[in-house]
Amino acid sequence: MSSFVGTLKVEAKGDREIVMTREFNADKDLVFDCFTKPELIKRWLYGPDGWSLDVCTVDLKVGGKYRYVWKYLKDGSTMGAGGTYKEISGPDRLVQTESFDEAWYPGEALLTTTFVEKSGKTFVTINIQYETKEGRDTVVKSPMEGGASQSYNRLETLLDTLILEGKK
């Protein structure tokens, strides 16, 4: 069992933003890989317990697309999302759009993820900018924080495993 280095912090900021921060006990190259390589993303980004990430494609280049499709294991229902990469400055910064197939908040979101390494730990900050205050508020009221926390806890465990396996 992993001891989690940091817990997810989620803050509403301004009228249209959410800022999520979390630290991981790994170098930023490995953490960046876990955010950008499909074979690693599939091992941690499947949301709340009871879901799986069945489709994960990444075309990691500016203008490239990514696509995720999650499946709820109890009834087989799916939820898809994807977007376009706007900026890739690996392993420091990643900017991408996000929209869901069945929009549960209005418009598209812009995610800016930064990876800052200090003393062997990587601090990840995800700034999510929504098109409207209504969209941001809808997400704040949703169970997003719990699902994201579970995913980031899985990422911490995956990082520990990869380090033990000598991947980094």
C-alpha atoms as a PDB file:
ATOM      1  CA  MET A   1       0.000   0.000   0.000  1.00  0.00           C
ATOM      2  CA  SER A   2       1.345   3.327  -0.951  1.00  0.00           C
ATOM      3  CA  SER A   3       1.505   6.237   1.411  1.00  0.00           C
ATOM      4  CA  PHE A   4       0.186   9.133  -0.502  1.00  0.00           C
ATOM      5  CA  VAL A   5       2.549  12.054  -0.633  1.00  0.00           C
ATOM      6  CA  GLY A   6      -0.095  14.667  -1.057  1.00  0.00           C
ATOM      7  CA  THR A   7      -3.792  14.983  -1.157  1.00  0.00           C
ATOM      8  CA  LEU A   8      -5.610  16.671  -3.947  1.00  0.00           C
ATOM      9  CA  LYS A   9      -6.491  20.282  -3.309  1.00  0.00           C
ATOM     10  CA  VAL A  10      -9.299  21.750  -5.401  1.00  0.00           C
ATOM     11  CA  GLU A  11     -10.071  25.453  -5.362  1.00  0.00           C
ATOM     12  CA  ALA A  12     -12.528  27.595  -7.296  1.00  0.00           C
ATOM     13  CA  LYS A  13     -10.764  30.711  -8.498  1.00  0.00           C
ATOM     14  CA  GLY A  14     -12.280  33.818 -10.055  1.00  0.00           C
ATOM     15  CA  ASP A  15     -15.532  33.287 -11.950  1.00  0.00           C
ATOM     16  CA  ARG A  16     -14.538  30.565 -14.396  1.00  0.00           C
ATOM     17  CA  GLU A  17     -11.599  28.595 -12.997  1.00  0.00           C
ATOM     18  CA  ILE A  18     -10.806  25.567 -10.897  1.00  0.00           C
ATOM     19  CA  VAL A  19      -7.256  24.942  -9.726  1.00  0.00           C
ATOM     20  CA  MET A  20      -6.252  21.418  -8.655  1.00  0.00           C
ATOM     21  CA  THR A  21      -2.896  20.764  -7.013  1.00  0.00           C
ATOM     22  CA  ARG A  22      -1.238  17.551  -5.913  1.00  0.00           C
ATOM     23  CA  GLU A  23       2.314  16.485  -5.181  1.00  0.00           C
ATOM     24  CA  PHE A  24       3.836  13.154  -6.180  1.00  0.00           C
ATOM     25  CA  ASN A  25       6.919  11.360  -4.912  1.00  0.00           C
ATOM     26  CA  ALA A  26       8.565  11.041  -8.346  1.00  0.00           C
ATOM     27  CA  ASP A  27      10.531  13.131 -10.804  1.00  0.00           C
ATOM     28  CA  LYS A  28       8.646  15.280 -13.273  1.00  0.00           C
ATOM     29  CA  ASP A  29       9.762  13.262 -16.312  1.00  0.00           C
ATOM     30  CA  LEU A  30       7.969  10.189 -14.981  1.00  0.00           C
ATOM     31  CA  VAL A  31       4.899  12.153 -13.866  1.00  0.00           C
ATOM     32  CA  PHE A  32       4.712  13.851 -17.288  1.00  0.00           C
ATOM     33  CA  ASP A  33       4.935  10.423 -18.949  1.00  0.00           C
ATOM     34  CA  CYS A  34       2.002   9.247 -16.835  1.00  0.00           C
ATOM     35  CA  PHE A  35      -0.069  12.202 -18.118  1.00  0.00           C
ATOM     36  CA  THR A  36       0.835  11.690 -21.785  1.00  0.00           C
ATOM     37  CA  LYS A  37       1.467   8.006 -22.569  1.00  0.00           C
ATOM     38  CA  PRO A  38      -1.716   5.944 -23.169  1.00  0.00           C
ATOM     39  CA  GLU A  39      -0.289   2.730 -21.687  1.00  0.00           C
ATOM     40  CA  LEU A  40       0.349   4.623 -18.432  1.00  0.00           C
ATOM     41  CA  ILE A  41      -2.789   6.809 -18.478  1.00  0.00           C
ATOM     42  CA  LYS A  42      -4.967   3.671 -18.689  1.00  0.00           C
ATOM     43  CA  ARG A  43      -3.434   2.417 -15.433  1.00  0.00           C
ATOM     44  CA  TRP A  44      -4.608   5.357 -13.293  1.00  0.00           C
ATOM     45  CA  LEU A  45      -7.098   7.728 -14.966  1.00  0.00           C
ATOM     46  CA  TYR A  46     -10.281   5.754 -14.622  1.00  0.00           C
ATOM     47  CA  GLY A  47     -12.142   7.949 -12.168  1.00  0.00           C
ATOM     48  CA  PRO A  48     -14.182   6.617  -9.284  1.00  0.00           C
ATOM     49  CA  ASP A  49     -14.095   2.958  -8.313  1.00  0.00           C
ATOM     50  CA  GLY A  50     -16.319   0.904 -10.601  1.00  0.00           C
ATOM     51  CA  TRP A  51     -15.164   2.576 -13.813  1.00  0.00           C
ATOM     52  CA  SER A  52     -12.535   1.611 -16.377  1.00  0.00           C
ATOM     53  CA  LEU A  53     -10.790   3.599 -19.081  1.00  0.00           C
ATOM     54  CA  ASP A  54     -11.438   1.460 -22.150  1.00  0.00           C
ATOM     55  CA  VAL A  55     -10.338   3.876 -24.877  1.00  0.00           C
ATOM     56  CA  CYS A  56      -7.257   6.048 -24.523  1.00  0.00           C
ATOM     57  CA  THR A  57      -5.626   7.546 -27.579  1.00  0.00           C
ATOM     58  CA  VAL A  58      -3.060  10.321 -27.550  1.00  0.00           C
ATOM     59  CA  ASP A  59      -1.513  12.151 -30.485  1.00  0.00           C
ATOM     60  CA  LEU A  60       0.970  14.175 -28.466  1.00  0.00           C
ATOM     61  CA  LYS A  61       1.762  17.127 -30.707  1.00  0.00           C
ATOM     62  CA  VAL A  62       0.453  20.656 -30.924  1.00  0.00           C
ATOM     63  CA  GLY A  63      -2.865  20.304 -32.750  1.00  0.00           C
ATOM     64  CA  GLY A  64      -2.943  16.582 -31.950  1.00  0.00           C
ATOM     65  CA  LYS A  65      -6.035  15.032 -30.399  1.00  0.00           C
ATOM     66  CA  TYR A  66      -6.627  12.840 -27.397  1.00  0.00           C
ATOM     67  CA  ARG A  67      -9.662  10.734 -26.617  1.00  0.00           C
ATOM     68  CA  TYR A  68     -10.799   8.910 -23.499  1.00  0.00           C
ATOM     69  CA  VAL A  69     -13.855   6.663 -23.119  1.00  0.00           C
ATOM     70  CA  TRP A  70     -14.699   5.441 -19.629  1.00  0.00           C
ATOM     71  CA  LYS A  71     -17.027   2.529 -18.931  1.00  0.00           C
ATOM     72  CA  TYR A  72     -19.163   2.054 -15.841  1.00  0.00           C
ATOM     73  CA  LEU A  73     -18.630  -1.612 -15.040  1.00  0.00           C
ATOM     74  CA  LYS A  74     -22.031  -2.208 -13.384  1.00  0.00           C
ATOM     75  CA  ASP A  75     -24.175  -1.357 -16.412  1.00  0.00           C
ATOM     76  CA  GLY A  76     -21.755  -0.912 -19.314  1.00  0.00           C
ATOM     77  CA  SER A  77     -22.676   2.725 -19.889  1.00  0.00           C
ATOM     78  CA  THR A  78     -19.898   4.908 -21.272  1.00  0.00           C
ATOM     79  CA  MET A  79     -18.713   8.491 -20.997  1.00  0.00           C
ATOM     80  CA  GLY A  80     -16.355   9.993 -23.574  1.00  0.00           C
ATOM     81  CA  ALA A  81     -14.204  13.087 -23.620  1.00  0.00           C
ATOM     82  CA  GLY A  82     -11.371  14.472 -25.629  1.00  0.00           C
ATOM     83  CA  GLY A  83      -9.666  17.541 -26.887  1.00  0.00           C
ATOM     84  CA  THR A  84      -6.755  19.097 -28.688  1.00  0.00           C
ATOM     85  CA  TYR A  85      -3.232  19.769 -27.470  1.00  0.00           C
ATOM     86  CA  LYS A  86      -2.468  23.500 -27.648  1.00  0.00           C
ATOM     87  CA  GLU A  87       0.999  23.571 -26.077  1.00  0.00           C
ATOM     88  CA  ILE A  88       3.453  20.851 -25.124  1.00  0.00           C
ATOM     89  CA  SER A  89       6.557  21.848 -23.209  1.00  0.00           C
ATOM     90  CA  GLY A  90       7.378  18.504 -21.678  1.00  0.00           C
ATOM     91  CA  PRO A  91       8.051  17.758 -18.935  1.00  0.00           C
ATOM     92  CA  ASP A  92       7.112  21.222 -17.646  1.00  0.00           C
ATOM     93  CA  ARG A  93       3.786  22.235 -19.135  1.00  0.00           C
ATOM     94  CA  LEU A  94       0.851  20.847 -21.079  1.00  0.00           C
ATOM     95  CA  VAL A  95      -2.104  22.861 -22.418  1.00  0.00           C
ATOM     96  CA  GLN A  96      -5.137  21.117 -23.865  1.00  0.00           C
ATOM     97  CA  THR A  97      -8.841  21.599 -24.444  1.00  0.00           C
ATOM     98  CA  GLU A  98     -11.445  19.269 -22.968  1.00  0.00           C
ATOM     99  CA  SER A  99     -15.037  18.578 -23.905  1.00  0.00           C
ATOM    100  CA  PHE A 100     -17.363  15.693 -23.116  1.00  0.00           C
ATOM    101  CA  ASP A 101     -19.474  13.783 -25.659  1.00  0.00           C
ATOM    102  CA  GLU A 102     -22.574  14.365 -23.579  1.00  0.00           C
ATOM    103  CA  ALA A 103     -21.904  17.819 -22.253  1.00  0.00           C
ATOM    104  CA  TRP A 104     -22.610  17.949 -18.551  1.00  0.00           C
ATOM    105  CA  TYR A 105     -21.297  21.506 -18.381  1.00  0.00           C
ATOM    106  CA  PRO A 106     -21.715  24.128 -21.096  1.00  0.00           C
ATOM    107  CA  GLY A 107     -18.853  24.730 -23.509  1.00  0.00           C
ATOM    108  CA  GLU A 108     -15.282  23.570 -23.597  1.00  0.00           C
ATOM    109  CA  ALA A 109     -12.608  23.800 -20.911  1.00  0.00           C
ATOM    110  CA  LEU A 110      -8.951  24.746 -21.288  1.00  0.00           C
ATOM    111  CA  LEU A 111      -6.577  22.773 -19.040  1.00  0.00           C
ATOM    112  CA  THR A 112      -3.103  24.088 -18.273  1.00  0.00           C
ATOM    113  CA  THR A 113      -1.039  21.539 -16.377  1.00  0.00           C
ATOM    114  CA  THR A 114       2.338  22.442 -14.903  1.00  0.00           C
ATOM    115  CA  PHE A 115       4.897  20.027 -13.452  1.00  0.00           C
ATOM    116  CA  VAL A 116       7.401  21.516 -10.992  1.00  0.00           C
ATOM    117  CA  GLU A 117      10.034  19.281  -9.391  1.00  0.00           C
ATOM    118  CA  LYS A 118      11.539  20.117  -5.993  1.00  0.00           C
ATOM    119  CA  SER A 119      13.735  17.737  -3.999  1.00  0.00           C
ATOM    120  CA  GLY A 120      12.598  14.694  -5.949  1.00  0.00           C
ATOM    121  CA  LYS A 121       8.879  15.480  -5.656  1.00  0.00           C
ATOM    122  CA  THR A 122       6.747  16.815  -8.460  1.00  0.00           C
ATOM    123  CA  PHE A 123       4.065  19.389  -7.807  1.00  0.00           C
ATOM    124  CA  VAL A 124       1.300  19.193 -10.391  1.00  0.00           C
ATOM    125  CA  THR A 125      -1.035  22.149 -10.838  1.00  0.00           C
ATOM    126  CA  ILE A 126      -3.987  21.884 -13.197  1.00  0.00           C
ATOM    127  CA  ASN A 127      -5.708  25.160 -13.988  1.00  0.00           C
ATOM    128  CA  ILE A 128      -9.058  24.512 -15.654  1.00  0.00           C
ATOM    129  CA  GLN A 129     -10.684  27.485 -17.328  1.00  0.00           C
ATOM    130  CA  TYR A 130     -14.352  27.092 -18.306  1.00  0.00           C
ATOM    131  CA  GLU A 131     -16.160  29.144 -20.910  1.00  0.00           C
ATOM    132  CA  THR A 132     -18.759  30.256 -18.381  1.00  0.00           C
ATOM    133  CA  LYS A 133     -19.234  30.668 -14.637  1.00  0.00           C
ATOM    134  CA  GLU A 134     -22.220  28.315 -14.953  1.00  0.00           C
ATOM    135  CA  GLY A 135     -19.933  25.611 -16.361  1.00  0.00           C
ATOM    136  CA  ARG A 136     -17.400  26.047 -13.587  1.00  0.00           C
ATOM    137  CA  ASP A 137     -20.095  26.016 -10.908  1.00  0.00           C
ATOM    138  CA  THR A 138     -21.666  22.860 -12.378  1.00  0.00           C
ATOM    139  CA  VAL A 139     -18.323  21.072 -12.123  1.00  0.00           C
ATOM    140  CA  VAL A 140     -17.677  22.341  -8.572  1.00  0.00           C
ATOM    141  CA  LYS A 141     -21.045  20.911  -7.467  1.00  0.00           C
ATOM    142  CA  SER A 142     -20.409  17.545  -9.171  1.00  0.00           C
ATOM    143  CA  PRO A 143     -18.591  14.545  -7.623  1.00  0.00           C
ATOM    144  CA  MET A 144     -15.542  15.427  -9.772  1.00  0.00           C
ATOM    145  CA  GLU A 145     -13.277  16.022  -6.767  1.00  0.00           C
ATOM    146  CA  GLY A 146     -13.827  12.514  -5.358  1.00  0.00           C
ATOM    147  CA  GLY A 147     -13.213  10.835  -8.706  1.00  0.00           C
ATOM    148  CA  ALA A 148     -10.126  12.929  -9.361  1.00  0.00           C
ATOM    149  CA  SER A 149      -8.780  12.149  -5.872  1.00  0.00           C
ATOM    150  CA  GLN A 150      -9.164   8.417  -6.455  1.00  0.00           C
ATOM    151  CA  SER A 151      -7.411   8.695  -9.822  1.00  0.00           C
ATOM    152  CA  TYR A 152      -4.501  10.679  -8.381  1.00  0.00           C
ATOM    153  CA  ASN A 153      -4.149   8.181  -5.529  1.00  0.00           C
ATOM    154  CA  ARG A 154      -3.881   5.459  -8.200  1.00  0.00           C
ATOM    155  CA  LEU A 155      -1.288   7.573 -10.004  1.00  0.00           C
ATOM    156  CA  GLU A 156       0.789   7.752  -6.812  1.00  0.00           C
ATOM    157  CA  THR A 157       0.645   3.958  -6.523  1.00  0.00           C
ATOM    158  CA  LEU A 158       1.568   3.574 -10.204  1.00  0.00           C
ATOM    159  CA  LEU A 159       4.538   5.926  -9.769  1.00  0.00           C
ATOM    160  CA  ASP A 160       5.741   3.862  -6.786  1.00  0.00           C
ATOM    161  CA  THR A 161       5.419   0.693  -8.882  1.00  0.00           C
ATOM    162  CA  LEU A 162       7.269   2.176 -11.855  1.00  0.00           C
ATOM    163  CA  ILE A 163      10.084   3.390  -9.595  1.00  0.00           C
ATOM    164  CA  LEU A 164      10.370  -0.058  -7.983  1.00  0.00           C
ATOM    165  CA  GLU A 165      10.429  -1.666 -11.432  1.00  0.00           C
ATOM    166  CA  GLY A 166      13.288   0.601 -12.349  1.00  0.00           C
ATOM    167  CA  LYS A 167      11.408   2.554 -15.007  1.00  0.00           C
ATOM    168  CA  LYS A 168      12.921   5.649 -13.405  1.00  0.00           C
END
